[in-house]
C-alpha cells in the first residue's frame, strides 16, 4: 500500500513537470513599421532574355533590422516572390523591364510571414534604374547605340558612293542597309546579376511574432 502511494505521488509529480515543460510562454510581437528599408542581395541572376512573368525568385537580407534595440529581422533571412511583369526590349525603341514583387519573409529559424513592400533602388548594375511607385526595373536604352550604328552605316555608304561618283546614292544605300539590319535585332536585355543589391521598403507594418515553452528542470530522485 505504501509503495503504491509513493508511485502515485511520483507519477503525479512527473506529470506536473511535463505540463510545465509544455506550457507556452506569452506570445511576443515585434511590429516593424511601414517605411522600413530591407537591404537585400539577389540570390540568382534574373534577365529578360531567359526569365518569364510568374517565375519565382529569392533574395537574402544583407543587413539585420533592429527595433528598439532588439533584433527583429536577422541577416540571412529570405525574401521570396514572383516576377509580376516582364518585357523584353524592342527593336530601335523600348527597353527591357521587369517588376519584382515580394510576398513573404522567411527567418533563419524557418518562420514565414507575409510581406508588403516595394522595390526602391538597385545598385551594382550599370544603366539599370528603378522607377515609379510600384518599383519597375528598367534596363539600358539602346537608342543612342542604334543611332550611332545607323549613322556609321550612312557614313560608310557615302564614302563608298564617292568612289563611284554617287555619294548620295551610297549614303542612302548605307543608311537603308544598316537600319534594316538593326531593326531585326532587339535592344540590350535587362539583367540583374546574382549579388545585386536591391532595397525594398515596407508599405505595411510587418508583425514578427515570437513564442516559446518553459524549460523543465529535471531533479534526481533520492536514493533509498
N, C-alpha and C. Protein backbone atom coordinates (compact mmCIF):
# COMPACT_ATOMS: atom_id res chain seq x y z
N UNK A 1 0.83 -1.21 0.00
CA UNK A 1 0.00 0.00 0.00
C UNK A 1 0.85 1.25 0.00
N UNK A 2 1.90 1.21 0.81
CA UNK A 2 2.80 2.38 0.88
C UNK A 2 3.51 2.58 -0.45
N UNK A 3 3.94 1.42 -1.04
CA UNK A 3 4.63 1.53 -2.33
C UNK A 3 3.74 2.12 -3.41
N UNK A 4 2.45 1.71 -3.42
CA UNK A 4 1.53 2.26 -4.41
C UNK A 4 1.33 3.76 -4.22
N UNK A 5 1.27 4.19 -2.98
CA UNK A 5 1.11 5.62 -2.70
C UNK A 5 2.32 6.41 -3.18
N UNK A 6 3.51 5.88 -2.93
CA UNK A 6 4.74 6.56 -3.37
C UNK A 6 4.79 6.63 -4.89
N UNK A 7 4.41 5.53 -5.56
CA UNK A 7 4.40 5.50 -7.02
C UNK A 7 3.42 6.51 -7.58
N UNK A 8 2.25 6.62 -6.98
CA UNK A 8 1.24 7.58 -7.45
C UNK A 8 1.73 9.00 -7.31
N UNK A 9 2.39 9.29 -6.15
CA UNK A 9 2.93 10.64 -5.94
C UNK A 9 4.02 10.95 -6.96
N UNK A 10 4.87 9.95 -7.23
CA UNK A 10 5.95 10.13 -8.20
C UNK A 10 5.40 10.43 -9.59
N UNK A 11 4.40 9.64 -10.04
CA UNK A 11 3.82 9.85 -11.37
C UNK A 11 3.12 11.20 -11.45
N UNK A 12 2.48 11.61 -10.37
CA UNK A 12 1.80 12.91 -10.36
C UNK A 12 2.80 14.04 -10.49
N UNK A 13 3.95 13.91 -9.79
CA UNK A 13 4.96 14.96 -9.86
C UNK A 13 5.58 15.04 -11.25
N UNK A 14 5.79 13.87 -11.89
CA UNK A 14 6.32 13.85 -13.26
C UNK A 14 5.34 14.51 -14.22
N UNK A 15 4.05 14.22 -14.05
CA UNK A 15 3.04 14.82 -14.92
C UNK A 15 3.00 16.31 -14.80
N UNK A 16 3.11 16.81 -13.57
CA UNK A 16 3.14 18.27 -13.37
C UNK A 16 4.34 18.87 -14.05
N UNK A 17 5.50 18.18 -13.93
CA UNK A 17 6.72 18.70 -14.57
C UNK A 17 6.58 18.78 -16.07
N UNK A 18 5.99 17.71 -16.68
CA UNK A 18 5.80 17.72 -18.13
C UNK A 18 4.81 18.78 -18.55
N UNK A 19 3.78 18.99 -17.76
CA UNK A 19 2.80 20.03 -18.08
C UNK A 19 3.45 21.40 -18.08
N UNK A 20 4.34 21.60 -17.08
CA UNK A 20 5.04 22.89 -17.04
C UNK A 20 5.99 23.03 -18.22
N UNK A 21 6.61 21.92 -18.64
CA UNK A 21 7.55 21.99 -19.76
C UNK A 21 6.84 22.36 -21.04
N UNK A 22 5.58 21.94 -21.19
CA UNK A 22 4.84 22.21 -22.41
C UNK A 22 4.02 23.49 -22.32
N UNK A 23 4.04 24.17 -21.22
CA UNK A 23 3.25 25.38 -21.05
C UNK A 23 3.84 26.50 -21.91
N UNK A 24 3.07 27.03 -22.87
CA UNK A 24 3.62 28.07 -23.75
C UNK A 24 3.82 29.39 -23.02
N UNK A 25 4.89 30.04 -23.37
CA UNK A 25 5.13 31.38 -22.85
C UNK A 25 4.24 32.37 -23.59
N UNK A 26 4.00 33.54 -23.05
CA UNK A 26 3.19 34.54 -23.75
C UNK A 26 3.81 34.90 -25.10
N UNK A 27 2.95 35.07 -26.10
CA UNK A 27 3.42 35.44 -27.44
C UNK A 27 3.89 36.89 -27.46
N UNK A 28 5.06 37.11 -28.04
CA UNK A 28 5.62 38.45 -28.16
C UNK A 28 5.59 38.87 -29.63
N UNK A 29 5.16 40.08 -29.90
CA UNK A 29 5.08 40.57 -31.26
C UNK A 29 5.93 41.83 -31.42
N UNK A 30 6.84 41.80 -32.40
CA UNK A 30 7.61 42.97 -32.78
C UNK A 30 7.03 43.51 -34.08
N UNK A 31 6.59 44.75 -34.06
CA UNK A 31 5.97 45.35 -35.24
C UNK A 31 6.97 46.24 -35.96
N UNK A 32 7.46 45.77 -37.11
CA UNK A 32 8.39 46.56 -37.92
C UNK A 32 7.55 47.55 -38.73
N UNK A 33 7.74 48.85 -38.54
CA UNK A 33 6.83 49.83 -39.15
C UNK A 33 6.99 49.97 -40.66
N UNK A 34 5.90 50.37 -41.31
CA UNK A 34 5.95 50.69 -42.73
C UNK A 34 6.97 51.80 -42.96
N UNK A 35 7.67 51.72 -44.08
CA UNK A 35 8.72 52.68 -44.37
C UNK A 35 10.11 52.15 -44.08
N UNK A 36 10.19 51.03 -43.33
CA UNK A 36 11.50 50.43 -43.03
C UNK A 36 12.12 49.87 -44.30
N UNK A 37 13.42 50.11 -44.49
CA UNK A 37 14.13 49.58 -45.65
C UNK A 37 14.72 48.21 -45.34
N UNK A 38 14.56 47.31 -46.28
CA UNK A 38 15.16 45.98 -46.21
C UNK A 38 16.26 45.91 -47.27
N UNK A 39 17.50 45.84 -46.83
CA UNK A 39 18.64 45.79 -47.75
C UNK A 39 18.91 44.33 -48.11
N UNK A 40 18.76 44.01 -49.38
CA UNK A 40 18.83 42.62 -49.81
C UNK A 40 19.85 42.46 -50.94
N UNK A 41 20.16 41.20 -51.23
CA UNK A 41 21.02 40.84 -52.37
C UNK A 41 20.36 39.69 -53.13
N UNK A 42 20.40 39.80 -54.46
CA UNK A 42 19.77 38.78 -55.31
C UNK A 42 20.48 37.44 -55.15
N UNK A 43 19.71 36.37 -54.97
CA UNK A 43 20.27 35.04 -54.84
C UNK A 43 20.50 34.35 -56.17
N UNK A 44 19.99 34.96 -57.24
CA UNK A 44 20.09 34.37 -58.57
C UNK A 44 20.08 35.48 -59.62
N UNK A 45 20.52 35.16 -60.82
CA UNK A 45 20.51 36.12 -61.92
C UNK A 45 19.13 36.12 -62.57
N UNK A 46 18.59 37.32 -62.76
CA UNK A 46 17.30 37.50 -63.42
C UNK A 46 17.52 38.30 -64.69
N UNK A 47 16.94 37.87 -65.79
CA UNK A 47 17.16 38.55 -67.06
C UNK A 47 15.92 38.45 -67.96
N UNK A 48 15.68 39.50 -68.73
CA UNK A 48 14.55 39.49 -69.66
C UNK A 48 14.78 38.51 -70.81
N UNK A 49 15.99 38.04 -70.96
CA UNK A 49 16.30 37.10 -72.04
C UNK A 49 15.86 35.67 -71.71
N UNK A 50 15.94 35.30 -70.43
CA UNK A 50 15.68 33.91 -70.05
C UNK A 50 14.50 33.73 -69.11
N UNK A 51 14.16 34.75 -68.33
CA UNK A 51 13.06 34.62 -67.37
C UNK A 51 11.74 35.02 -67.99
N UNK A 52 10.66 34.64 -67.30
CA UNK A 52 9.31 34.93 -67.78
C UNK A 52 8.45 35.44 -66.62
N UNK A 53 7.36 36.06 -66.99
CA UNK A 53 6.41 36.51 -65.98
C UNK A 53 5.91 35.30 -65.18
N UNK A 54 5.87 35.44 -63.86
CA UNK A 54 5.43 34.35 -63.00
C UNK A 54 6.57 33.54 -62.41
N UNK A 55 7.79 33.74 -62.90
CA UNK A 55 8.92 32.99 -62.35
C UNK A 55 9.16 33.40 -60.89
N UNK A 56 9.46 32.44 -60.01
CA UNK A 56 9.78 32.77 -58.62
C UNK A 56 11.22 33.26 -58.51
N UNK A 57 11.49 34.00 -57.45
CA UNK A 57 12.86 34.43 -57.16
C UNK A 57 13.01 34.56 -55.65
N UNK A 58 14.26 34.65 -55.22
CA UNK A 58 14.54 34.79 -53.78
C UNK A 58 15.71 35.74 -53.59
N UNK A 59 15.68 36.46 -52.46
CA UNK A 59 16.74 37.39 -52.10
C UNK A 59 17.09 37.20 -50.64
N UNK A 60 18.33 37.50 -50.29
CA UNK A 60 18.79 37.38 -48.91
C UNK A 60 18.88 38.76 -48.26
N UNK A 61 18.39 38.87 -47.05
CA UNK A 61 18.52 40.12 -46.29
C UNK A 61 19.98 40.28 -45.90
N UNK A 62 20.60 41.38 -46.33
CA UNK A 62 22.03 41.58 -46.12
C UNK A 62 22.35 42.26 -44.80
N UNK A 63 21.40 43.06 -44.28
CA UNK A 63 21.64 43.78 -43.04
C UNK A 63 20.51 43.51 -42.06
N UNK A 64 20.81 43.26 -40.80
CA UNK A 64 19.74 43.00 -39.82
C UNK A 64 18.89 44.24 -39.59
N UNK A 65 17.64 44.02 -39.23
CA UNK A 65 16.72 45.11 -38.90
C UNK A 65 16.51 45.10 -37.39
N UNK A 66 16.88 46.20 -36.75
CA UNK A 66 16.74 46.33 -35.30
C UNK A 66 15.52 47.18 -34.98
N UNK A 67 14.85 46.84 -33.89
CA UNK A 67 13.67 47.57 -33.45
C UNK A 67 13.79 47.83 -31.96
N UNK A 68 14.01 49.10 -31.61
CA UNK A 68 14.18 49.48 -30.20
C UNK A 68 15.28 48.66 -29.52
N UNK A 69 16.36 48.49 -30.25
CA UNK A 69 17.49 47.76 -29.71
C UNK A 69 17.35 46.25 -29.74
N UNK A 70 16.28 45.74 -30.31
CA UNK A 70 16.06 44.31 -30.38
C UNK A 70 16.09 43.84 -31.83
N UNK A 71 16.59 42.65 -32.04
CA UNK A 71 16.70 42.10 -33.39
C UNK A 71 15.33 41.63 -33.87
N UNK A 72 14.84 42.28 -34.94
CA UNK A 72 13.54 41.90 -35.50
C UNK A 72 13.70 40.99 -36.71
N UNK A 73 14.60 41.37 -37.64
CA UNK A 73 14.84 40.57 -38.85
C UNK A 73 16.34 40.31 -38.95
N UNK A 74 16.78 39.08 -38.75
CA UNK A 74 18.22 38.79 -38.81
C UNK A 74 18.74 38.83 -40.24
N UNK A 75 20.02 39.14 -40.39
CA UNK A 75 20.67 39.00 -41.69
C UNK A 75 20.65 37.53 -42.07
N UNK A 76 20.48 37.25 -43.35
CA UNK A 76 20.36 35.88 -43.80
C UNK A 76 18.93 35.41 -43.96
N UNK A 77 17.97 36.24 -43.52
CA UNK A 77 16.57 35.93 -43.78
C UNK A 77 16.32 35.99 -45.29
N UNK A 78 15.25 35.36 -45.73
CA UNK A 78 14.98 35.26 -47.17
C UNK A 78 13.68 35.96 -47.54
N UNK A 79 13.76 36.78 -48.58
CA UNK A 79 12.57 37.38 -49.18
C UNK A 79 12.27 36.61 -50.47
N UNK A 80 11.03 36.18 -50.62
CA UNK A 80 10.65 35.40 -51.80
C UNK A 80 9.45 36.04 -52.47
N UNK A 81 9.40 35.89 -53.79
CA UNK A 81 8.28 36.45 -54.54
C UNK A 81 8.27 35.95 -55.96
N UNK A 82 7.58 36.70 -56.84
CA UNK A 82 7.45 36.32 -58.24
C UNK A 82 7.66 37.53 -59.15
N UNK A 83 8.05 37.27 -60.37
CA UNK A 83 8.15 38.33 -61.38
C UNK A 83 6.73 38.59 -61.88
N UNK A 84 6.20 39.78 -61.61
CA UNK A 84 4.82 40.08 -61.99
C UNK A 84 4.72 40.85 -63.29
N UNK A 85 5.84 41.30 -63.82
CA UNK A 85 5.86 41.96 -65.14
C UNK A 85 7.21 41.68 -65.78
N UNK A 86 7.19 41.34 -67.07
CA UNK A 86 8.42 41.06 -67.79
C UNK A 86 8.24 41.49 -69.25
N UNK A 87 9.09 42.39 -69.70
CA UNK A 87 9.04 42.85 -71.09
C UNK A 87 10.45 42.89 -71.66
N UNK A 88 10.63 42.26 -72.80
CA UNK A 88 11.92 42.31 -73.46
C UNK A 88 12.06 43.64 -74.20
N UNK A 89 13.29 44.10 -74.45
CA UNK A 89 13.47 45.34 -75.19
C UNK A 89 13.00 45.18 -76.63
N UNK A 90 12.51 46.28 -77.21
CA UNK A 90 12.03 46.24 -78.58
C UNK A 90 13.14 46.45 -79.58
N UNK A 91 12.76 46.69 -80.81
CA UNK A 91 13.70 46.97 -81.89
C UNK A 91 13.67 48.47 -82.17
N UNK A 92 14.82 49.09 -82.16
CA UNK A 92 15.00 50.54 -82.34
C UNK A 92 14.57 51.30 -81.10
N UNK A 93 13.42 50.98 -80.51
CA UNK A 93 12.97 51.70 -79.33
C UNK A 93 12.54 50.71 -78.26
N UNK A 94 12.40 51.22 -77.03
CA UNK A 94 11.98 50.38 -75.92
C UNK A 94 13.15 49.79 -75.16
N UNK A 95 12.91 49.52 -73.88
CA UNK A 95 13.94 48.94 -73.02
C UNK A 95 13.36 47.73 -72.31
N UNK A 96 14.24 46.84 -71.85
CA UNK A 96 13.79 45.71 -71.07
C UNK A 96 13.36 46.17 -69.69
N UNK A 97 12.30 45.56 -69.17
CA UNK A 97 11.83 45.96 -67.84
C UNK A 97 11.15 44.78 -67.15
N UNK A 98 11.18 44.82 -65.81
CA UNK A 98 10.53 43.79 -65.01
C UNK A 98 10.12 44.36 -63.66
N UNK A 99 9.14 43.71 -63.05
CA UNK A 99 8.71 44.10 -61.71
C UNK A 99 8.89 42.88 -60.81
N UNK A 100 9.64 43.08 -59.72
CA UNK A 100 9.95 42.00 -58.80
C UNK A 100 9.14 42.20 -57.52
N UNK A 101 8.05 41.46 -57.39
CA UNK A 101 7.14 41.62 -56.26
C UNK A 101 7.40 40.54 -55.22
N UNK A 102 7.73 40.97 -54.00
CA UNK A 102 7.97 40.00 -52.93
C UNK A 102 6.66 39.73 -52.18
N UNK A 103 6.58 38.53 -51.60
CA UNK A 103 5.34 38.09 -50.97
C UNK A 103 5.51 37.63 -49.53
N UNK A 104 6.68 37.10 -49.21
CA UNK A 104 6.85 36.63 -47.83
C UNK A 104 8.31 36.71 -47.39
N UNK A 105 8.47 36.71 -46.10
CA UNK A 105 9.77 36.74 -45.45
C UNK A 105 9.93 35.48 -44.62
N UNK A 106 11.06 34.79 -44.79
CA UNK A 106 11.35 33.59 -44.01
C UNK A 106 12.59 33.84 -43.17
N UNK A 107 12.46 33.71 -41.86
CA UNK A 107 13.58 33.90 -40.95
C UNK A 107 14.48 32.66 -40.96
N UNK A 108 15.71 32.79 -40.48
CA UNK A 108 16.61 31.63 -40.46
C UNK A 108 16.07 30.43 -39.70
N UNK A 109 15.16 30.65 -38.72
CA UNK A 109 14.61 29.52 -37.96
C UNK A 109 13.41 28.87 -38.66
N UNK A 110 13.07 29.36 -39.86
CA UNK A 110 12.01 28.73 -40.64
C UNK A 110 10.66 29.40 -40.57
N UNK A 111 10.47 30.33 -39.66
CA UNK A 111 9.18 31.03 -39.56
C UNK A 111 8.99 31.95 -40.76
N UNK A 112 7.76 31.95 -41.31
CA UNK A 112 7.46 32.73 -42.50
C UNK A 112 6.34 33.71 -42.23
N UNK A 113 6.48 34.94 -42.76
CA UNK A 113 5.48 35.99 -42.56
C UNK A 113 5.18 36.66 -43.89
N UNK A 114 3.92 37.01 -44.15
CA UNK A 114 3.60 37.75 -45.38
C UNK A 114 4.18 39.16 -45.33
N UNK A 115 4.61 39.65 -46.47
CA UNK A 115 5.26 40.96 -46.54
C UNK A 115 4.64 41.79 -47.66
N UNK A 116 4.45 43.07 -47.40
CA UNK A 116 4.03 44.03 -48.43
C UNK A 116 5.13 45.08 -48.53
N UNK A 117 5.82 45.13 -49.66
CA UNK A 117 6.95 46.05 -49.83
C UNK A 117 7.14 46.37 -51.30
N UNK A 118 7.80 47.49 -51.55
CA UNK A 118 8.06 47.96 -52.91
C UNK A 118 9.55 48.14 -53.12
N UNK A 119 10.03 47.73 -54.28
CA UNK A 119 11.44 47.92 -54.61
C UNK A 119 11.71 49.41 -54.82
N UNK A 120 12.74 49.92 -54.14
CA UNK A 120 13.05 51.34 -54.20
C UNK A 120 14.30 51.64 -55.03
N UNK A 121 15.30 50.77 -54.98
CA UNK A 121 16.56 51.06 -55.68
C UNK A 121 17.33 49.78 -55.93
N UNK A 122 18.24 49.87 -56.91
CA UNK A 122 19.12 48.75 -57.25
C UNK A 122 20.52 49.30 -57.48
N UNK A 123 21.52 48.62 -56.94
CA UNK A 123 22.91 49.07 -57.06
C UNK A 123 23.79 47.94 -57.57
N UNK A 124 24.82 48.33 -58.30
CA UNK A 124 25.79 47.35 -58.77
C UNK A 124 25.64 46.96 -60.21
N UNK A 125 24.66 47.53 -60.92
CA UNK A 125 24.44 47.22 -62.33
C UNK A 125 24.38 48.53 -63.11
N UNK A 126 25.20 48.67 -64.12
CA UNK A 126 25.23 49.90 -64.92
C UNK A 126 23.94 50.05 -65.74
N UNK A 127 23.46 51.27 -65.81
CA UNK A 127 22.32 51.65 -66.65
C UNK A 127 21.03 50.92 -66.28
N UNK A 128 20.93 50.46 -65.03
CA UNK A 128 19.70 49.85 -64.54
C UNK A 128 19.11 50.77 -63.47
N UNK A 129 17.83 51.08 -63.58
CA UNK A 129 17.22 52.02 -62.65
C UNK A 129 15.84 51.52 -62.23
N UNK A 130 15.38 51.99 -61.07
CA UNK A 130 14.05 51.66 -60.56
C UNK A 130 13.20 52.91 -60.64
N UNK A 131 12.03 52.80 -61.26
CA UNK A 131 11.17 53.97 -61.46
C UNK A 131 9.74 53.65 -61.00
N UNK A 132 9.00 54.71 -60.67
CA UNK A 132 7.58 54.57 -60.34
C UNK A 132 7.32 54.09 -58.94
N UNK A 133 6.06 54.22 -58.54
CA UNK A 133 5.66 53.84 -57.18
C UNK A 133 5.56 52.34 -57.00
N UNK A 134 5.56 51.57 -58.09
CA UNK A 134 5.42 50.13 -57.99
C UNK A 134 6.75 49.41 -58.20
N UNK A 135 7.86 50.15 -58.21
CA UNK A 135 9.17 49.54 -58.28
C UNK A 135 9.49 48.84 -59.57
N UNK A 136 9.25 49.50 -60.70
CA UNK A 136 9.55 48.94 -62.01
C UNK A 136 11.04 49.08 -62.31
N UNK A 137 11.68 47.97 -62.67
CA UNK A 137 13.10 47.99 -63.00
C UNK A 137 13.25 48.12 -64.52
N UNK A 138 14.02 49.12 -64.95
CA UNK A 138 14.24 49.33 -66.38
C UNK A 138 15.71 49.14 -66.71
N UNK A 139 15.96 48.53 -67.87
CA UNK A 139 17.31 48.25 -68.31
C UNK A 139 17.89 49.36 -69.16
N UNK A 140 19.06 49.12 -69.75
CA UNK A 140 19.74 50.13 -70.55
C UNK A 140 19.00 50.41 -71.85
N UNK A 141 19.02 51.67 -72.27
CA UNK A 141 18.41 52.05 -73.53
C UNK A 141 19.38 51.78 -74.67
N UNK A 142 18.84 51.33 -75.79
CA UNK A 142 19.68 51.06 -76.97
C UNK A 142 19.51 52.13 -78.03
N UNK A 143 18.82 53.22 -77.69
CA UNK A 143 18.54 54.24 -78.70
C UNK A 143 19.82 54.90 -79.20
N UNK A 144 20.67 55.35 -78.28
CA UNK A 144 21.91 56.02 -78.71
C UNK A 144 22.81 55.09 -79.51
N UNK A 145 23.07 53.85 -79.08
CA UNK A 145 23.88 52.95 -79.91
C UNK A 145 23.24 52.67 -81.26
N UNK A 146 21.90 52.60 -81.31
CA UNK A 146 21.22 52.38 -82.58
C UNK A 146 21.52 53.51 -83.56
N UNK A 147 21.34 54.75 -83.10
CA UNK A 147 21.57 55.89 -83.97
C UNK A 147 23.03 55.97 -84.39
N UNK A 148 23.94 55.62 -83.48
CA UNK A 148 25.36 55.64 -83.82
C UNK A 148 25.67 54.60 -84.90
N UNK A 149 25.07 53.44 -84.77
CA UNK A 149 25.30 52.38 -85.75
C UNK A 149 24.72 52.75 -87.11
N UNK A 150 23.51 53.31 -87.09
CA UNK A 150 22.88 53.71 -88.35
C UNK A 150 23.66 54.84 -89.00
N UNK A 151 24.12 55.81 -88.17
CA UNK A 151 24.92 56.91 -88.71
C UNK A 151 26.22 56.43 -89.31
N UNK A 152 26.84 55.45 -88.64
CA UNK A 152 28.08 54.90 -89.19
C UNK A 152 27.83 54.21 -90.51
N UNK A 153 26.69 53.54 -90.64
CA UNK A 153 26.36 52.88 -91.90
C UNK A 153 26.17 53.88 -93.03
N UNK A 154 25.50 55.01 -92.71
CA UNK A 154 25.30 56.04 -93.72
C UNK A 154 26.62 56.66 -94.14
N UNK A 155 27.51 56.91 -93.17
CA UNK A 155 28.81 57.49 -93.49
C UNK A 155 29.63 56.54 -94.36
N UNK A 156 29.58 55.26 -94.03
CA UNK A 156 30.30 54.28 -94.83
C UNK A 156 29.76 54.22 -96.24
N UNK A 157 28.44 54.29 -96.38
CA UNK A 157 27.85 54.29 -97.71
C UNK A 157 28.24 55.52 -98.51
N UNK A 158 28.35 56.66 -97.84
CA UNK A 158 28.76 57.89 -98.52
C UNK A 158 30.17 57.77 -99.07
N UNK A 159 31.07 57.24 -98.25
CA UNK A 159 32.45 57.06 -98.69
C UNK A 159 32.51 56.11 -99.88
N UNK A 160 31.74 55.03 -99.81
CA UNK A 160 31.73 54.08 -100.92
C UNK A 160 31.14 54.73 -102.17
N UNK A 161 30.10 55.56 -101.97
CA UNK A 161 29.50 56.24 -103.12
C UNK A 161 30.44 57.22 -103.77
N UNK A 162 31.30 57.88 -102.99
CA UNK A 162 32.27 58.82 -103.55
C UNK A 162 33.23 58.11 -104.50
N UNK A 163 33.55 56.88 -104.19
CA UNK A 163 34.47 56.15 -105.05
C UNK A 163 33.89 55.91 -106.43
N UNK A 164 32.56 55.86 -106.49
CA UNK A 164 31.91 55.62 -107.77
C UNK A 164 31.20 56.85 -108.31
N UNK A 165 31.42 57.99 -107.64
CA UNK A 165 30.84 59.24 -108.11
C UNK A 165 29.38 59.43 -107.77
N UNK A 166 28.82 58.66 -106.81
CA UNK A 166 27.41 58.80 -106.42
C UNK A 166 27.30 58.78 -104.90
N UNK A 167 27.77 59.87 -104.24
CA UNK A 167 27.76 59.88 -102.77
C UNK A 167 26.36 59.81 -102.17
N UNK A 168 25.37 60.47 -102.83
CA UNK A 168 24.01 60.46 -102.28
C UNK A 168 23.42 59.05 -102.32
N UNK A 169 23.62 58.39 -103.43
CA UNK A 169 23.11 57.02 -103.55
C UNK A 169 23.81 56.11 -102.56
N UNK A 170 25.11 56.30 -102.41
CA UNK A 170 25.86 55.48 -101.46
C UNK A 170 25.38 55.67 -100.03
N UNK A 171 25.12 56.95 -99.66
CA UNK A 171 24.64 57.24 -98.32
C UNK A 171 23.27 56.62 -98.08
N UNK A 172 22.40 56.69 -99.10
CA UNK A 172 21.06 56.13 -98.97
C UNK A 172 21.11 54.62 -98.80
N UNK A 173 21.93 53.99 -99.61
CA UNK A 173 22.06 52.54 -99.52
C UNK A 173 22.62 52.13 -98.16
N UNK A 174 23.63 52.87 -97.68
CA UNK A 174 24.24 52.56 -96.39
C UNK A 174 23.26 52.71 -95.25
N UNK A 175 22.50 53.82 -95.26
CA UNK A 175 21.51 54.04 -94.20
C UNK A 175 20.43 52.97 -94.22
N UNK A 176 19.94 52.64 -95.40
CA UNK A 176 18.88 51.64 -95.52
C UNK A 176 19.33 50.27 -95.03
N UNK A 177 20.50 49.86 -95.46
CA UNK A 177 21.00 48.53 -95.10
C UNK A 177 21.23 48.44 -93.59
N UNK A 178 21.81 49.51 -93.01
CA UNK A 178 22.09 49.47 -91.58
C UNK A 178 20.80 49.51 -90.77
N UNK A 179 19.83 50.31 -91.21
CA UNK A 179 18.56 50.40 -90.48
C UNK A 179 17.82 49.07 -90.50
N UNK A 180 17.76 48.43 -91.67
CA UNK A 180 17.09 47.14 -91.78
C UNK A 180 17.77 46.10 -90.89
N UNK A 181 19.10 46.10 -90.90
CA UNK A 181 19.84 45.14 -90.08
C UNK A 181 19.58 45.38 -88.59
N UNK A 182 19.54 46.66 -88.20
CA UNK A 182 19.34 46.98 -86.78
C UNK A 182 17.92 46.67 -86.32
N UNK A 183 16.95 46.83 -87.20
CA UNK A 183 15.56 46.60 -86.83
C UNK A 183 15.25 45.13 -86.60
N UNK A 184 16.05 44.24 -87.17
CA UNK A 184 15.78 42.82 -86.96
C UNK A 184 16.37 42.30 -85.65
N UNK A 185 17.13 43.16 -84.95
CA UNK A 185 17.74 42.77 -83.68
C UNK A 185 17.12 43.55 -82.53
N UNK A 186 16.93 42.87 -81.40
CA UNK A 186 16.40 43.53 -80.21
C UNK A 186 17.50 44.36 -79.53
N UNK A 187 17.04 45.25 -78.63
CA UNK A 187 17.98 46.02 -77.84
C UNK A 187 18.62 45.16 -76.76
N UNK A 188 19.42 45.76 -75.92
CA UNK A 188 20.14 45.04 -74.87
C UNK A 188 19.18 44.60 -73.78
N UNK A 189 19.24 43.31 -73.42
CA UNK A 189 18.35 42.78 -72.39
C UNK A 189 18.70 43.34 -71.01
N UNK A 190 17.69 43.43 -70.16
CA UNK A 190 17.88 43.81 -68.77
C UNK A 190 18.34 42.59 -67.99
N UNK A 191 19.45 42.71 -67.28
CA UNK A 191 19.99 41.61 -66.50
C UNK A 191 20.33 42.10 -65.10
N UNK A 192 19.82 41.39 -64.09
CA UNK A 192 20.15 41.67 -62.69
C UNK A 192 20.98 40.49 -62.20
N UNK A 193 22.30 40.64 -62.11
CA UNK A 193 23.16 39.51 -61.73
C UNK A 193 22.98 39.11 -60.27
N UNK A 194 23.37 37.88 -59.97
CA UNK A 194 23.37 37.41 -58.59
C UNK A 194 24.27 38.33 -57.76
N UNK A 195 23.82 38.67 -56.56
CA UNK A 195 24.58 39.56 -55.69
C UNK A 195 24.22 41.02 -55.81
N UNK A 196 23.38 41.38 -56.79
CA UNK A 196 22.97 42.77 -56.94
C UNK A 196 22.22 43.25 -55.69
N UNK A 197 22.54 44.45 -55.21
CA UNK A 197 21.86 45.00 -54.03
C UNK A 197 20.53 45.60 -54.43
N UNK A 198 19.48 45.13 -53.80
CA UNK A 198 18.13 45.62 -54.06
C UNK A 198 17.52 46.02 -52.72
N UNK A 199 17.00 47.23 -52.67
CA UNK A 199 16.45 47.76 -51.42
C UNK A 199 14.93 47.88 -51.51
N UNK A 200 14.25 47.15 -50.63
CA UNK A 200 12.78 47.19 -50.56
C UNK A 200 12.34 48.03 -49.37
N UNK A 201 11.20 48.69 -49.52
CA UNK A 201 10.62 49.48 -48.43
C UNK A 201 9.26 48.89 -48.06
N UNK A 202 9.06 48.62 -46.78
CA UNK A 202 7.78 48.09 -46.33
C UNK A 202 6.66 49.10 -46.57
N UNK A 203 5.56 48.64 -47.15
CA UNK A 203 4.40 49.50 -47.36
C UNK A 203 3.33 49.29 -46.30
N UNK A 204 3.47 48.22 -45.50
CA UNK A 204 2.60 47.98 -44.34
C UNK A 204 3.46 47.48 -43.19
N UNK A 205 2.96 47.67 -41.98
CA UNK A 205 3.67 47.16 -40.81
C UNK A 205 3.86 45.64 -40.93
N UNK A 206 5.01 45.17 -40.50
CA UNK A 206 5.31 43.74 -40.54
C UNK A 206 5.38 43.23 -39.10
N UNK A 207 4.46 42.33 -38.74
CA UNK A 207 4.41 41.79 -37.38
C UNK A 207 5.24 40.51 -37.30
N UNK A 208 6.26 40.54 -36.46
CA UNK A 208 7.10 39.38 -36.22
C UNK A 208 6.74 38.82 -34.85
N UNK A 209 6.16 37.63 -34.82
CA UNK A 209 5.74 37.03 -33.56
C UNK A 209 6.76 36.03 -33.06
N UNK A 210 6.86 35.95 -31.73
CA UNK A 210 7.76 35.00 -31.09
C UNK A 210 7.02 34.28 -29.99
N UNK A 211 7.18 32.96 -29.95
CA UNK A 211 6.60 32.16 -28.88
C UNK A 211 7.66 31.21 -28.35
N UNK A 212 7.43 30.65 -27.15
CA UNK A 212 8.39 29.72 -26.57
C UNK A 212 7.71 28.79 -25.60
N UNK A 213 8.47 27.91 -24.96
CA UNK A 213 7.94 26.99 -23.94
C UNK A 213 8.84 27.05 -22.72
N UNK A 214 8.25 26.79 -21.58
CA UNK A 214 9.03 26.78 -20.36
C UNK A 214 9.97 25.57 -20.35
N UNK A 215 11.10 25.74 -19.75
CA UNK A 215 12.08 24.66 -19.66
C UNK A 215 11.92 23.94 -18.33
N UNK A 216 11.70 22.64 -18.35
CA UNK A 216 11.54 21.86 -17.12
C UNK A 216 12.91 21.53 -16.55
N UNK A 217 13.04 21.62 -15.24
CA UNK A 217 14.29 21.30 -14.56
C UNK A 217 14.18 19.89 -14.00
N UNK A 218 15.02 19.01 -14.52
CA UNK A 218 14.97 17.61 -14.06
C UNK A 218 15.68 17.48 -12.72
N UNK A 219 15.05 16.81 -11.77
CA UNK A 219 15.63 16.59 -10.45
C UNK A 219 15.85 15.09 -10.23
N UNK A 220 16.98 14.74 -9.70
CA UNK A 220 17.25 13.32 -9.45
C UNK A 220 16.52 12.87 -8.20
N UNK A 221 16.04 11.64 -8.24
CA UNK A 221 15.31 11.10 -7.10
C UNK A 221 16.29 10.71 -5.99
N UNK A 222 15.91 10.90 -4.75
CA UNK A 222 16.79 10.49 -3.65
C UNK A 222 16.92 8.98 -3.61
N UNK A 223 18.10 8.54 -3.31
CA UNK A 223 18.36 7.11 -3.20
C UNK A 223 17.74 6.57 -1.90
N UNK A 224 17.27 5.34 -2.00
CA UNK A 224 16.70 4.71 -0.81
C UNK A 224 17.79 4.28 0.16
